[in-house]
C-alpha cells in the first residue's frame, strides 16, 4: 500500500469516526442503520477485509470516536477535534467513516478535508458506502464533491422542515425547547406544556417582592447571596451551569423582565442566518411568538407592570445610588431630555440638572442648567399631588378596607399552608442527607462524592429554614394586627413617600428653566402646574 507521497506503508494506525445528529436519532429501521453502533460495526468489518487484502500490513486501532447528537453542519465537535489532534500529533494515518455525511454535511469544509487537509497530513481517508479512498486513484473519489453537496442539501432541507414544524408549534403555544424559566418545569404528561415548580416559584416571587420594594439589581443580588438562596442551576439540577456559583444582576434582570411569568408562552426571540451559521440574531418584539394564557402564572399583571415601571426609573441604579423619590420622573421642558439629580459629598443639598446641558452645554451652548434645590422640588411635587388626591380619598373607607385586608382569613390560611410545606420539605431534605451519609458509611459512594452531592442539599435546606422563619414571623404580625394603628398606616400611605405609588400616579414631570413644573397624571386629570422659583 502506498501513501499520498508514493511511499510504501506497512503500518496503518486507524481511527474510526462516527457521528449521529439529534434529528437522525430514533427507532425506525433507517435510524437504526445510521446508529453509532451500526457505524462502528461497518467500519470494523471493513478493516477485517483490509487485513485480508494487505496481509503484510499491520493495522492498529488508535481510537473509536463518537459525536452523538451533533449536527454535521459544524466541524466544532468534541470528538472530531480529538481526531484532528491525533493526526497533528502523527498518532494516526487513517480515518474511516461509514459514509461521507458522517464526516460532515457542510460541502465546502468536507471537500477541503478530503481533497486538501487529509492529503497534506498524509492521512488515508475512507468512506465505505461511497467507495471513497484518498490513497487510491478511484473514479468514485471524483464524485465526492457532488455527494458532499447532496449531503448539505439534505441538511438544509431538514433544517427548513424542523423550523417549519417548530413555527407551527409556537403558534399553538407549545414549548419547543430551550431553557425553561425558573419557577416552571416540563409537564411529565405533556412535553409541550409547563407546570409550576414550587421551589423555583418561591424564589421568583421573592425576587419580584424585593424589586417592588425599590431595591436595585445589585442590592437584590447581595440579599440572595447573603441568604444563600439556591441558584436556578441548583433548582433545575442543571449540571452545565454549576460552575456559575453566584447570583448576578443579569440573571435577576432576565427574571424580572420575563413575561412568561404572566402565564404566556413567549418564543422565537432569536434566529440564525441559515442552517450553517451559529450567529444569533435577536429579533424585535413584534416578531416574537407570543401566545397568552398557556400555563399557570406566577406573577400577576399588576405586579409585573409595577416592576417594569421601577426598571424605567432605576435602570442605572446601583447599591450605592441615592434613592431619590422623583428619580426618573423629571424631564426638561425645553429640550425634553432627562433631568438628573446631583449630590455633592461636601454639601447637604442636592440639585437638579438637565442631562443634555450637563453633557454638551459647555461645548455647544445647548439648553440651560435647570439647577434647582431638589428637596424643594420634591416637597412642591408631593404637596401638589396631595391636593389632588385628597379630593377623592375618604380616610374612613380606606381604614375599613385596610382592616378587612389584615383580617383576611385566606391570607392566614395561605401562610399556614406555606409553613406546613416548608416543614415537610425540611424533613425530606434531612432524610435525603441522612441516606446519602449512610451510603458513604457503607462504601457505596466515596467521601468526595458525598460532599459533592450534599453541598446543594445543604444549601436548599438552609434556604427552607429561612423561609419557614419568614412565614412564622409573617403569621405573628397578622395575629397582632389589632395592635396596629390604622390611622398611622393610612397617614404614612398618604404621605406619598412611596416610589411605586408615584409611578402609578404620574406619567411625567416637566421642569422648565424658570422653575415651573407641569405634572402629568396617568389618571383622567390632564395636568397640574406649580412654581417654586419665579
Protein backbone atom coordinates (compact mmCIF):
# COMPACT_ATOMS: atom_id res chain seq x y z
CA UNK A 1 0.00 0.00 0.00
CA UNK A 2 1.36 3.42 -1.00
CA UNK A 3 0.57 6.74 0.68
CA UNK A 4 -0.05 10.19 -0.85
CA UNK A 5 3.70 10.75 -1.20
CA UNK A 6 4.11 7.42 -3.08
CA UNK A 7 5.90 5.80 -0.13
CA UNK A 8 5.21 2.24 0.92
CA UNK A 9 3.17 1.95 4.10
CA UNK A 10 3.30 -1.19 6.23
CA UNK A 11 1.71 0.17 9.44
CA UNK A 12 -1.80 1.62 9.39
CA UNK A 13 -2.85 3.42 12.59
CA UNK A 14 -6.54 3.95 12.03
CA UNK A 15 -9.30 5.91 13.75
CA UNK A 16 -12.96 5.00 13.33
CA UNK A 17 -15.04 8.17 13.39
CA UNK A 18 -18.83 8.06 13.89
CA UNK A 19 -21.48 10.75 14.18
CA UNK A 20 -25.23 10.95 14.66
CA UNK A 21 -27.25 14.17 14.84
CA UNK A 22 -30.30 14.64 17.05
CA UNK A 23 -32.57 14.73 14.02
CA UNK A 24 -31.35 11.27 12.95
CA UNK A 25 -31.89 9.62 16.32
CA UNK A 26 -34.93 7.36 16.62
CA UNK A 27 -36.21 3.82 16.47
CA UNK A 28 -37.10 3.33 12.82
CA UNK A 29 -35.17 0.87 10.67
CA UNK A 30 -33.41 3.70 8.81
CA UNK A 31 -32.39 5.38 12.05
CA UNK A 32 -31.09 2.10 13.44
CA UNK A 33 -28.97 1.63 10.33
CA UNK A 34 -27.38 5.03 10.97
CA UNK A 35 -26.80 4.38 14.67
CA UNK A 36 -23.38 4.78 16.23
CA UNK A 37 -23.24 1.06 16.99
CA UNK A 38 -24.02 0.17 13.39
CA UNK A 39 -21.44 2.62 12.02
CA UNK A 40 -18.72 1.10 14.20
CA UNK A 41 -19.64 -2.43 13.10
CA UNK A 42 -19.50 -1.48 9.39
CA UNK A 43 -16.07 0.16 9.84
CA UNK A 44 -14.67 -2.80 11.79
CA UNK A 45 -15.87 -5.22 9.11
CA UNK A 46 -14.10 -3.06 6.52
CA UNK A 47 -10.83 -3.27 8.46
CA UNK A 48 -11.11 -7.05 8.63
CA UNK A 49 -11.40 -7.13 4.84
CA UNK A 50 -8.40 -4.79 4.51
CA UNK A 51 -6.30 -7.12 6.64
CA UNK A 52 -7.02 -9.90 4.15
CA UNK A 53 -6.23 -7.63 1.17
CA UNK A 54 -2.94 -6.42 2.72
CA UNK A 55 -1.56 -9.35 4.76
CA UNK A 56 1.88 -7.73 5.04
CA UNK A 57 0.44 -4.57 6.53
CA UNK A 58 -0.15 -4.11 10.26
CA UNK A 59 -3.47 -2.47 11.27
CA UNK A 60 -3.55 -0.79 14.69
CA UNK A 61 -6.75 0.69 16.11
CA UNK A 62 -5.93 4.05 17.74
CA UNK A 63 -9.42 5.17 18.74
CA UNK A 64 -13.13 4.89 18.09
CA UNK A 65 -14.55 8.42 18.23
CA UNK A 66 -18.25 9.26 18.60
CA UNK A 67 -20.05 12.58 18.23
CA UNK A 68 -23.58 11.60 19.21
CA UNK A 69 -26.32 14.22 18.86
CA UNK A 70 -24.16 16.74 16.94
CA UNK A 71 -25.07 18.30 13.60
CA UNK A 72 -22.85 17.63 10.61
CA UNK A 73 -23.15 21.26 9.51
CA UNK A 74 -20.49 22.22 12.07
CA UNK A 75 -16.98 20.85 12.48
CA UNK A 76 -16.69 22.19 16.01
CA UNK A 77 -17.39 18.77 17.54
CA UNK A 78 -15.69 17.36 20.60
CA UNK A 79 -14.54 14.02 19.19
CA UNK A 80 -13.80 15.41 15.73
CA UNK A 81 -11.41 17.86 17.41
CA UNK A 82 -9.78 14.85 19.08
CA UNK A 83 -9.40 13.26 15.64
CA UNK A 84 -7.65 16.35 14.30
CA UNK A 85 -5.33 16.40 17.30
CA UNK A 86 -4.37 12.72 16.85
CA UNK A 87 -3.48 13.39 13.22
CA UNK A 88 -1.47 16.54 14.03
CA UNK A 89 0.45 14.56 16.66
CA UNK A 90 1.13 11.90 13.99
CA UNK A 91 -0.56 9.23 16.08
CA UNK A 92 -2.95 8.27 13.28
CA UNK A 93 -2.62 7.98 9.50
CA UNK A 94 -6.05 6.63 8.53
CA UNK A 95 -9.63 7.80 9.16
CA UNK A 96 -12.67 5.63 8.41
CA UNK A 97 -16.32 6.65 8.28
CA UNK A 98 -19.35 4.66 7.22
CA UNK A 99 -20.33 7.37 4.71
CA UNK A 100 -19.39 10.92 3.76
CA UNK A 101 -22.26 12.51 5.71
CA UNK A 102 -20.73 11.15 8.94
CA UNK A 103 -17.65 13.26 8.27
CA UNK A 104 -19.77 16.36 7.65
CA UNK A 105 -22.70 17.97 5.85
CA UNK A 106 -21.00 21.29 5.04
CA UNK A 107 -19.85 20.51 1.49
CA UNK A 108 -17.16 23.25 1.39
CA UNK A 109 -15.40 22.18 4.59
CA UNK A 110 -15.91 18.47 3.92
CA UNK A 111 -14.36 18.85 0.44
CA UNK A 112 -11.47 20.77 1.99
CA UNK A 113 -10.71 17.95 4.46
CA UNK A 114 -10.92 15.22 1.80
CA UNK A 115 -9.04 16.98 -1.02
CA UNK A 116 -6.57 19.11 0.93
CA UNK A 117 -6.22 18.65 4.69
CA UNK A 118 -6.07 14.84 4.86
CA UNK A 119 -3.66 14.51 1.88
CA UNK A 120 -1.39 17.27 3.20
CA UNK A 121 -1.15 15.40 6.50
CA UNK A 122 -0.58 12.15 4.60
CA UNK A 123 -3.73 10.59 6.01
CA UNK A 124 -5.77 7.96 4.24
CA UNK A 125 -9.46 8.79 4.41
CA UNK A 126 -12.01 6.08 3.60
CA UNK A 127 -15.77 6.46 3.25
CA UNK A 128 -17.06 2.92 2.90
CA UNK A 129 -20.53 3.38 1.40
CA UNK A 130 -19.39 5.69 -1.43
CA UNK A 131 -16.11 3.78 -2.02
CA UNK A 132 -14.01 6.89 -1.34
CA UNK A 133 -10.30 6.17 -0.66
CA UNK A 134 -7.77 9.01 -0.82
CA UNK A 135 -4.86 6.52 -1.14
CA UNK A 136 -6.24 5.29 -4.42
CA UNK A 137 -6.89 6.88 -7.81
CA UNK A 138 -10.56 5.92 -7.88
CA UNK A 139 -13.33 7.27 -10.09
CA UNK A 140 -15.56 7.45 -7.02
CA UNK A 141 -13.16 9.99 -5.49
CA UNK A 142 -14.07 12.40 -8.29
CA UNK A 143 -17.75 12.42 -7.39
CA UNK A 144 -17.14 13.02 -3.67
CA UNK A 145 -17.82 16.80 -4.02
CA UNK A 146 -21.20 16.04 -5.63
CA UNK A 147 -22.11 13.68 -2.80
CA UNK A 148 -21.00 16.28 -0.24
CA UNK A 149 -23.17 18.91 -1.90
CA UNK A 150 -26.11 16.48 -1.80
CA UNK A 151 -25.49 15.83 1.90
CA UNK A 152 -25.51 19.55 2.64
CA UNK A 153 -28.69 19.97 0.60
CA UNK A 154 -30.30 17.26 2.73
CA UNK A 155 -29.18 19.08 5.91
CA UNK A 156 -30.61 22.36 4.59
CA UNK A 157 -33.96 20.78 3.74
CA UNK A 158 -34.10 19.01 7.10
CA UNK A 159 -33.39 22.31 8.86
CA UNK A 160 -36.22 24.01 6.96
CA UNK A 161 -38.67 21.23 7.83
CA UNK A 162 -37.76 21.38 11.52
CA UNK A 163 -38.08 25.18 11.58
CA UNK A 164 -41.47 24.99 9.90
CA UNK A 165 -42.70 22.38 12.39
CA UNK A 166 -41.42 24.39 15.37
CA UNK A 167 -43.01 27.54 13.98
CA UNK A 168 -46.40 25.82 13.88
CA UNK A 169 -45.91 24.53 17.42
CA UNK A 170 -45.05 28.01 18.66
CA UNK A 171 -48.19 29.46 17.07
CA UNK A 172 -50.17 26.92 19.09
CA UNK A 173 -48.38 27.92 22.30
CA UNK A 174 -46.38 24.70 22.53
CA UNK A 175 -42.93 24.85 24.10
CA UNK A 176 -40.29 23.79 21.55
CA UNK A 177 -37.25 23.60 23.76
CA UNK A 178 -34.61 25.82 25.28
CA UNK A 179 -34.14 26.98 28.86
CA UNK A 180 -37.26 26.62 31.00
CA UNK A 181 -37.77 29.73 33.19
CA UNK A 182 -37.06 29.36 36.91
CA UNK A 183 -40.32 28.50 38.66
CA UNK A 184 -41.54 26.13 35.95
CA UNK A 185 -40.78 22.59 34.85
CA UNK A 186 -41.83 20.39 31.95
CA UNK A 187 -45.18 18.68 32.38
CA UNK A 188 -44.44 14.92 32.63
CA UNK A 189 -47.71 14.22 30.78
CA UNK A 190 -47.23 16.84 28.04
CA UNK A 191 -43.73 17.76 26.90
CA UNK A 192 -45.01 20.95 25.23
CA UNK A 193 -46.51 22.35 28.45
CA UNK A 194 -45.20 23.96 31.68
CA UNK A 195 -46.28 23.27 35.24
CA UNK A 196 -45.29 25.10 38.43
CA UNK A 197 -42.10 24.13 40.24
CA UNK A 198 -42.78 25.20 43.84
CA UNK A 199 -39.15 25.77 44.89
CA UNK A 200 -38.41 27.95 41.89
CA UNK A 201 -41.75 29.75 42.18
CA UNK A 202 -40.98 30.93 45.72
CA UNK A 203 -37.61 32.32 44.60
CA UNK A 204 -39.21 34.17 41.67
CA UNK A 205 -41.86 35.68 43.97
CA UNK A 206 -39.13 36.70 46.42
CA UNK A 207 -37.17 38.46 43.67
CA UNK A 208 -40.25 40.36 42.45
CA UNK A 209 -41.13 41.41 46.01
CA UNK A 210 -37.60 42.75 46.52
CA UNK A 211 -37.84 44.66 43.25
CA UNK A 212 -41.20 46.13 44.30
CA UNK A 213 -39.57 47.49 47.44
CA UNK A 214 -37.50 49.66 45.05
CA UNK A 215 -34.25 47.74 45.52
CA UNK A 216 -31.58 47.89 42.87
CA UNK A 217 -30.43 44.78 40.99
CA UNK A 218 -27.12 44.90 42.86
CA UNK A 219 -28.92 45.01 46.20
CA UNK A 220 -31.16 42.07 45.29
CA UNK A 221 -28.11 40.03 44.28
CA UNK A 222 -26.43 40.87 47.58
CA UNK A 223 -29.50 39.76 49.57
CA UNK A 224 -29.90 36.47 47.67
CA UNK A 225 -26.23 35.60 48.15
CA UNK A 226 -26.36 36.52 51.85
CA UNK A 227 -29.49 34.40 52.37
CA UNK A 228 -27.86 31.53 50.42
CA UNK A 229 -30.83 31.29 48.07
CA UNK A 230 -30.16 28.36 45.68
CA UNK A 231 -29.23 29.29 42.13
CA UNK A 232 -31.54 28.41 39.22
CA UNK A 233 -28.97 25.81 38.11
CA UNK A 234 -29.21 24.09 41.52
CA UNK A 235 -33.02 24.12 41.50
CA UNK A 236 -33.09 22.68 37.95
CA UNK A 237 -30.16 20.27 38.55
CA UNK A 238 -28.52 21.83 35.50
CA UNK A 239 -25.01 20.37 35.54
CA UNK A 240 -23.84 22.65 32.70
CA UNK A 241 -24.14 25.79 34.85
CA UNK A 242 -22.78 24.53 38.17
CA UNK A 243 -19.56 26.48 37.58
CA UNK A 244 -21.58 29.69 37.97
CA UNK A 245 -21.88 29.75 41.75
CA UNK A 246 -23.19 33.27 42.43
CA UNK A 247 -26.29 35.25 41.54
CA UNK A 248 -25.74 38.04 39.01
CA UNK A 249 -27.63 41.21 38.07
CA UNK A 250 -28.05 39.79 34.58
CA UNK A 251 -29.92 36.76 35.95
CA UNK A 252 -32.14 38.94 38.16
CA UNK A 253 -32.94 41.30 35.29
CA UNK A 254 -33.90 38.45 32.94
CA UNK A 255 -36.26 37.06 35.60
CA UNK A 256 -37.89 40.42 36.32
CA UNK A 257 -38.47 41.15 32.63
CA UNK A 258 -39.70 37.68 31.62
CA UNK A 259 -43.37 37.90 30.58
CA UNK A 260 -43.66 34.10 30.72
CA UNK A 261 -44.32 34.53 34.45
CA UNK A 262 -47.67 36.07 33.44
CA UNK A 263 -48.69 32.68 32.05
CA UNK A 264 -47.83 33.49 28.41
CA UNK A 265 -45.66 31.33 26.13
CA UNK A 266 -43.04 33.56 24.51
CA UNK A 267 -40.68 32.04 21.96
CA UNK A 268 -38.84 32.93 18.76
CA UNK A 269 -36.84 35.78 20.28
CA UNK A 270 -33.78 34.80 18.25
CA UNK A 271 -32.93 33.21 14.93
CA UNK A 272 -29.87 32.28 12.87
CA UNK A 273 -28.84 33.36 9.39
CA UNK A 274 -29.02 29.81 8.00
CA UNK A 275 -28.51 26.14 8.91
CA UNK A 276 -24.71 26.54 8.93
CA UNK A 277 -24.32 29.86 10.74
CA UNK A 278 -24.12 29.90 14.54
CA UNK A 279 -24.50 33.67 14.75
CA UNK A 280 -27.54 34.51 16.90
CA UNK A 281 -29.79 37.34 15.71
CA UNK A 282 -32.08 38.98 18.28
CA UNK A 283 -35.47 39.77 16.79
CA UNK A 284 -37.69 42.78 17.62
CA UNK A 285 -40.63 42.04 19.93
CA UNK A 286 -43.18 42.31 17.13
CA UNK A 287 -41.58 39.20 15.55
CA UNK A 288 -41.76 37.07 18.70
CA UNK A 289 -44.23 34.19 19.03
CA UNK A 290 -46.49 35.19 21.93
CA UNK A 291 -49.45 33.01 22.93
CA UNK A 292 -51.28 34.15 26.05
CA UNK A 293 -52.57 32.04 28.94
CA UNK A 294 -50.85 28.78 28.04
CA UNK A 295 -49.78 27.91 31.60
CA UNK A 296 -50.38 28.98 35.18
CA UNK A 297 -48.98 32.40 36.04
CA UNK A 298 -46.55 33.02 38.91
CA UNK A 299 -46.72 36.84 38.88
CA UNK A 300 -49.91 38.85 38.42
CA UNK A 301 -50.03 41.53 35.74
CA UNK A 302 -50.21 44.46 38.16
CA UNK A 303 -47.06 43.35 40.00
CA UNK A 304 -45.23 42.73 36.74
CA UNK A 305 -46.16 46.14 35.30
CA UNK A 306 -45.14 47.89 38.52
CA UNK A 307 -41.71 46.26 38.38
CA UNK A 308 -41.29 47.43 34.77
CA UNK A 309 -42.12 50.99 35.89
CA UNK A 310 -39.40 50.78 38.52
CA UNK A 311 -36.97 49.50 35.88
CA UNK A 312 -37.69 52.56 33.80
CA UNK A 313 -36.63 54.93 36.58
CA UNK A 314 -33.90 52.80 38.20
CA UNK A 315 -32.11 51.38 35.15
CA UNK A 316 -28.71 52.79 36.21
CA UNK A 317 -29.24 52.46 39.95
CA UNK A 318 -26.60 50.57 41.98
CA UNK A 319 -26.18 49.62 45.64
CA UNK A 320 -24.62 52.98 46.46
CA UNK A 321 -27.13 55.08 44.49
CA UNK A 322 -29.26 57.51 46.48
CA UNK A 323 -32.93 56.60 46.39
CA UNK A 324 -34.47 59.87 45.21
CA UNK A 325 -38.25 59.71 45.16
CA UNK A 326 -38.57 61.59 41.84
CA UNK A 327 -35.65 59.93 40.12
CA UNK A 328 -36.51 59.08 36.51
CA UNK A 329 -39.75 61.09 36.54
CA UNK A 330 -38.42 64.58 35.76
CA UNK A 331 -37.74 65.86 32.23
CA UNK A 332 -36.56 69.16 30.83
CA UNK A 333 -39.41 71.29 29.44
CA UNK A 334 -37.10 72.94 26.88
CA UNK A 335 -35.13 70.03 25.35
CA UNK A 336 -37.19 67.05 26.64
CA UNK A 337 -34.09 65.24 27.92
CA UNK A 338 -34.00 63.73 31.41
CA UNK A 339 -33.32 65.80 34.50
CA UNK A 340 -30.89 64.09 36.84
CA UNK A 341 -30.11 64.79 40.49
CA UNK A 342 -26.59 65.67 41.53
CA UNK A 343 -25.32 65.10 45.02
CA UNK A 344 -22.12 66.72 46.20
CA UNK A 345 -20.35 64.83 49.03
CA UNK A 346 -19.32 68.06 50.82
CA UNK A 347 -22.79 69.62 50.61
CA UNK A 348 -26.01 68.69 52.34
CA UNK A 349 -28.24 69.77 49.49
CA UNK A 350 -28.84 68.09 46.10
CA UNK A 351 -29.57 69.87 42.84
CA UNK A 352 -31.35 69.08 39.59
CA UNK A 353 -29.55 69.42 36.26
CA UNK A 354 -30.52 68.90 32.64
CA UNK A 355 -28.58 65.90 31.30
CA UNK A 356 -28.31 67.43 27.82
CA UNK A 357 -26.78 70.59 29.28
CA UNK A 358 -24.52 68.58 31.59
CA UNK A 359 -23.13 66.60 28.64
CA UNK A 360 -22.84 69.25 25.91
CA UNK A 361 -23.67 72.64 27.42
CA UNK A 362 -20.13 73.93 27.79
CA UNK A 363 -19.22 72.88 24.21
CA UNK A 364 -22.33 73.56 22.13
CA UNK A 365 -24.27 76.03 24.31
CA UNK A 366 -27.29 73.70 24.32
CA UNK A 367 -30.21 74.19 26.75
CA UNK A 368 -29.62 75.60 30.28
CA UNK A 369 -28.61 74.05 33.60
CA UNK A 370 -32.07 73.85 35.25
CA UNK A 371 -30.20 73.78 38.56
CA UNK A 372 -32.65 73.94 41.46
CA UNK A 373 -32.76 72.60 45.00
CA UNK A 374 -34.05 69.04 44.69
CA UNK A 375 -35.65 68.83 48.14
CA UNK A 376 -37.68 71.97 47.47
CA UNK A 377 -38.81 70.45 44.16
CA UNK A 378 -39.81 67.16 45.82
CA UNK A 379 -41.77 68.96 48.55
CA UNK A 380 -43.64 71.03 45.96
CA UNK A 381 -44.49 67.97 43.85
CA UNK A 382 -45.78 66.00 46.86
CA UNK A 383 -47.85 68.95 48.07
CA UNK A 384 -49.38 69.37 44.63
CA UNK A 385 -50.23 65.65 44.34
CA UNK A 386 -51.75 65.55 47.83
CA UNK A 387 -54.06 68.40 46.97
CA UNK A 388 -55.38 66.33 44.06
CA UNK A 389 -55.58 63.05 46.00
CA UNK A 390 -57.49 64.46 48.99
CA UNK A 391 -60.31 65.49 46.67
CA UNK A 392 -61.12 61.81 46.10
CA UNK A 393 -59.96 59.93 49.26
CA UNK A 394 -62.25 59.04 52.20
CA UNK A 395 -59.98 58.12 55.13
CA UNK A 396 -62.73 56.23 56.97
CA UNK A 397 -63.45 53.95 53.98
CA UNK A 398 -59.73 53.41 53.45
CA UNK A 399 -59.33 52.41 57.10
CA UNK A 400 -62.12 49.82 56.83
CA UNK A 401 -60.61 48.34 53.64
CA UNK A 402 -57.19 48.12 55.27
CA UNK A 403 -58.57 46.49 58.41
CA UNK A 404 -60.51 43.89 56.44
CA UNK A 405 -57.42 43.11 54.42
CA UNK A 406 -55.40 42.46 57.57
CA UNK A 407 -58.11 40.19 58.93
CA UNK A 408 -58.49 38.23 55.74
CA UNK A 409 -58.62 34.56 56.70
CA UNK A 410 -57.40 33.49 53.27
CA UNK A 411 -54.06 35.20 53.90
CA UNK A 412 -53.66 33.34 57.20
CA UNK A 413 -54.58 30.04 55.57
CA UNK A 414 -52.05 30.56 52.78
CA UNK A 415 -49.27 31.28 55.27
CA UNK A 416 -50.19 28.22 57.34
CA UNK A 417 -50.06 26.10 54.18
CA UNK A 418 -46.62 27.50 53.34
CA UNK A 419 -45.41 26.73 56.87
CA UNK A 420 -46.55 23.13 56.54
CA UNK A 421 -44.93 22.78 53.08
CA UNK A 422 -41.61 24.14 54.40
CA UNK A 423 -41.67 21.76 57.38
CA UNK A 424 -42.28 18.79 55.09
CA UNK A 425 -39.52 19.89 52.70
CA UNK A 426 -37.07 20.27 55.61
CA UNK A 427 -37.88 16.76 56.86
CA UNK A 428 -37.49 15.37 53.32
CA UNK A 429 -34.09 17.04 52.83
CA UNK A 430 -32.81 15.84 56.22
CA UNK A 431 -33.81 12.28 55.35
CA UNK A 432 -32.07 12.52 51.95
CA UNK A 433 -28.87 13.81 53.57
CA UNK A 434 -29.03 11.00 56.16
CA UNK A 435 -29.49 8.36 53.42
CA UNK A 436 -26.54 9.75 51.46
CA UNK A 437 -24.41 9.68 54.63
CA UNK A 438 -25.32 6.02 55.19
CA UNK A 439 -24.28 5.28 51.59
CA UNK A 440 -20.89 6.80 52.40
CA UNK A 441 -20.52 4.71 55.56
CA UNK A 442 -21.35 1.56 53.63
CA UNK A 443 -18.81 2.38 50.94
CA UNK A 444 -21.41 2.79 48.18
CA UNK A 445 -20.09 6.29 47.45
CA UNK A 446 -16.76 7.96 48.25
CA UNK A 447 -16.26 10.85 50.64
CA UNK A 448 -15.71 13.21 47.70
CA UNK A 449 -18.96 12.08 46.06
CA UNK A 450 -20.76 12.53 49.38
CA UNK A 451 -19.52 16.13 49.72
CA UNK A 452 -20.45 16.99 46.12
CA UNK A 453 -23.95 15.51 46.40
CA UNK A 454 -24.79 17.03 49.79
CA UNK A 455 -23.44 20.51 49.03
CA UNK A 456 -26.55 21.53 47.07
CA UNK A 457 -28.82 19.70 49.54
CA UNK A 458 -27.45 21.73 52.46
CA UNK A 459 -27.89 24.99 50.52
CA UNK A 460 -31.55 24.21 49.83
CA UNK A 461 -32.04 23.07 53.46
CA UNK A 462 -30.68 26.38 54.75
CA UNK A 463 -32.95 28.28 52.40
CA UNK A 464 -36.02 26.26 53.51
CA UNK A 465 -35.23 27.03 57.17
CA UNK A 466 -35.10 30.76 56.43
CA UNK A 467 -38.39 30.55 54.54
CA UNK A 468 -40.03 28.79 57.47
CA UNK A 469 -38.80 31.50 59.83
CA UNK A 470 -40.15 34.19 57.47
CA UNK A 471 -43.60 32.56 57.30
CA UNK A 472 -43.80 32.17 61.09
CA UNK A 473 -42.89 35.84 61.60
CA UNK A 474 -45.47 36.90 59.00
CA UNK A 475 -48.16 34.94 60.82
CA UNK A 476 -47.23 36.58 64.12
CA UNK A 477 -47.56 40.02 62.53
CA UNK A 478 -51.03 39.23 61.20
CA UNK A 479 -52.13 37.77 64.55
CA UNK A 480 -51.06 41.01 66.21
CA UNK A 481 -52.97 43.17 63.75
CA UNK A 482 -55.29 44.56 66.44
CA UNK A 483 -52.29 46.40 67.83
CA UNK A 484 -51.79 48.24 64.53
CA UNK A 485 -52.57 51.92 64.46
CA UNK A 486 -54.56 52.08 61.23
CA UNK A 487 -54.65 55.86 61.28
CA UNK A 488 -50.86 55.87 61.34
CA UNK A 489 -50.71 53.36 58.46
CA UNK A 490 -53.07 55.50 56.38
CA UNK A 491 -51.15 58.68 57.18
CA UNK A 492 -47.92 57.01 56.11
CA UNK A 493 -49.58 55.89 52.88
CA UNK A 494 -50.98 59.34 52.15
CA UNK A 495 -47.61 60.95 52.75
CA UNK A 496 -46.88 59.64 49.21
CA UNK A 497 -43.33 58.82 50.25
CA UNK A 498 -43.60 55.70 48.11
CA UNK A 499 -41.92 55.39 44.73
CA UNK A 500 -44.29 52.71 43.43
CA UNK A 501 -47.35 54.82 44.27
CA UNK A 502 -45.89 57.83 42.47
CA UNK A 503 -45.06 55.77 39.39
CA UNK A 504 -48.68 54.63 39.17
CA UNK A 505 -49.97 58.20 39.58
CA UNK A 506 -47.55 60.25 37.50
CA UNK A 507 -46.68 59.97 33.82
CA UNK A 508 -44.04 62.71 33.75
CA UNK A 509 -42.98 65.92 35.50
CA UNK A 510 -41.69 68.71 33.27
CA UNK A 511 -39.33 71.29 34.78
CA UNK A 512 -38.56 74.48 32.85
CA UNK A 513 -35.64 76.88 33.16
CA UNK A 514 -37.70 79.33 35.23
CA UNK A 515 -38.52 76.78 37.93
CA UNK A 516 -42.07 75.99 36.80
CA UNK A 517 -43.28 72.39 36.91
CA UNK A 518 -46.06 70.65 35.00
CA UNK A 519 -47.26 67.34 36.44
CA UNK A 520 -48.95 64.96 34.00
CA UNK A 521 -51.02 62.25 35.67
CA UNK A 522 -51.93 58.76 34.44
CA UNK A 523 -55.49 59.35 35.58
CA UNK A 524 -58.15 61.48 33.90
CA UNK A 525 -56.79 64.75 35.35
CA UNK A 526 -54.68 66.08 32.44
CA UNK A 527 -52.06 68.11 34.28
CA UNK A 528 -51.24 70.20 37.31
CA UNK A 529 -48.89 73.18 37.33
CA UNK A 530 -46.92 74.83 40.11
CA UNK A 531 -43.91 77.07 40.63
CA UNK A 532 -41.27 77.08 43.31
CA UNK A 533 -38.87 79.60 41.77
CA UNK A 534 -40.07 82.70 39.93
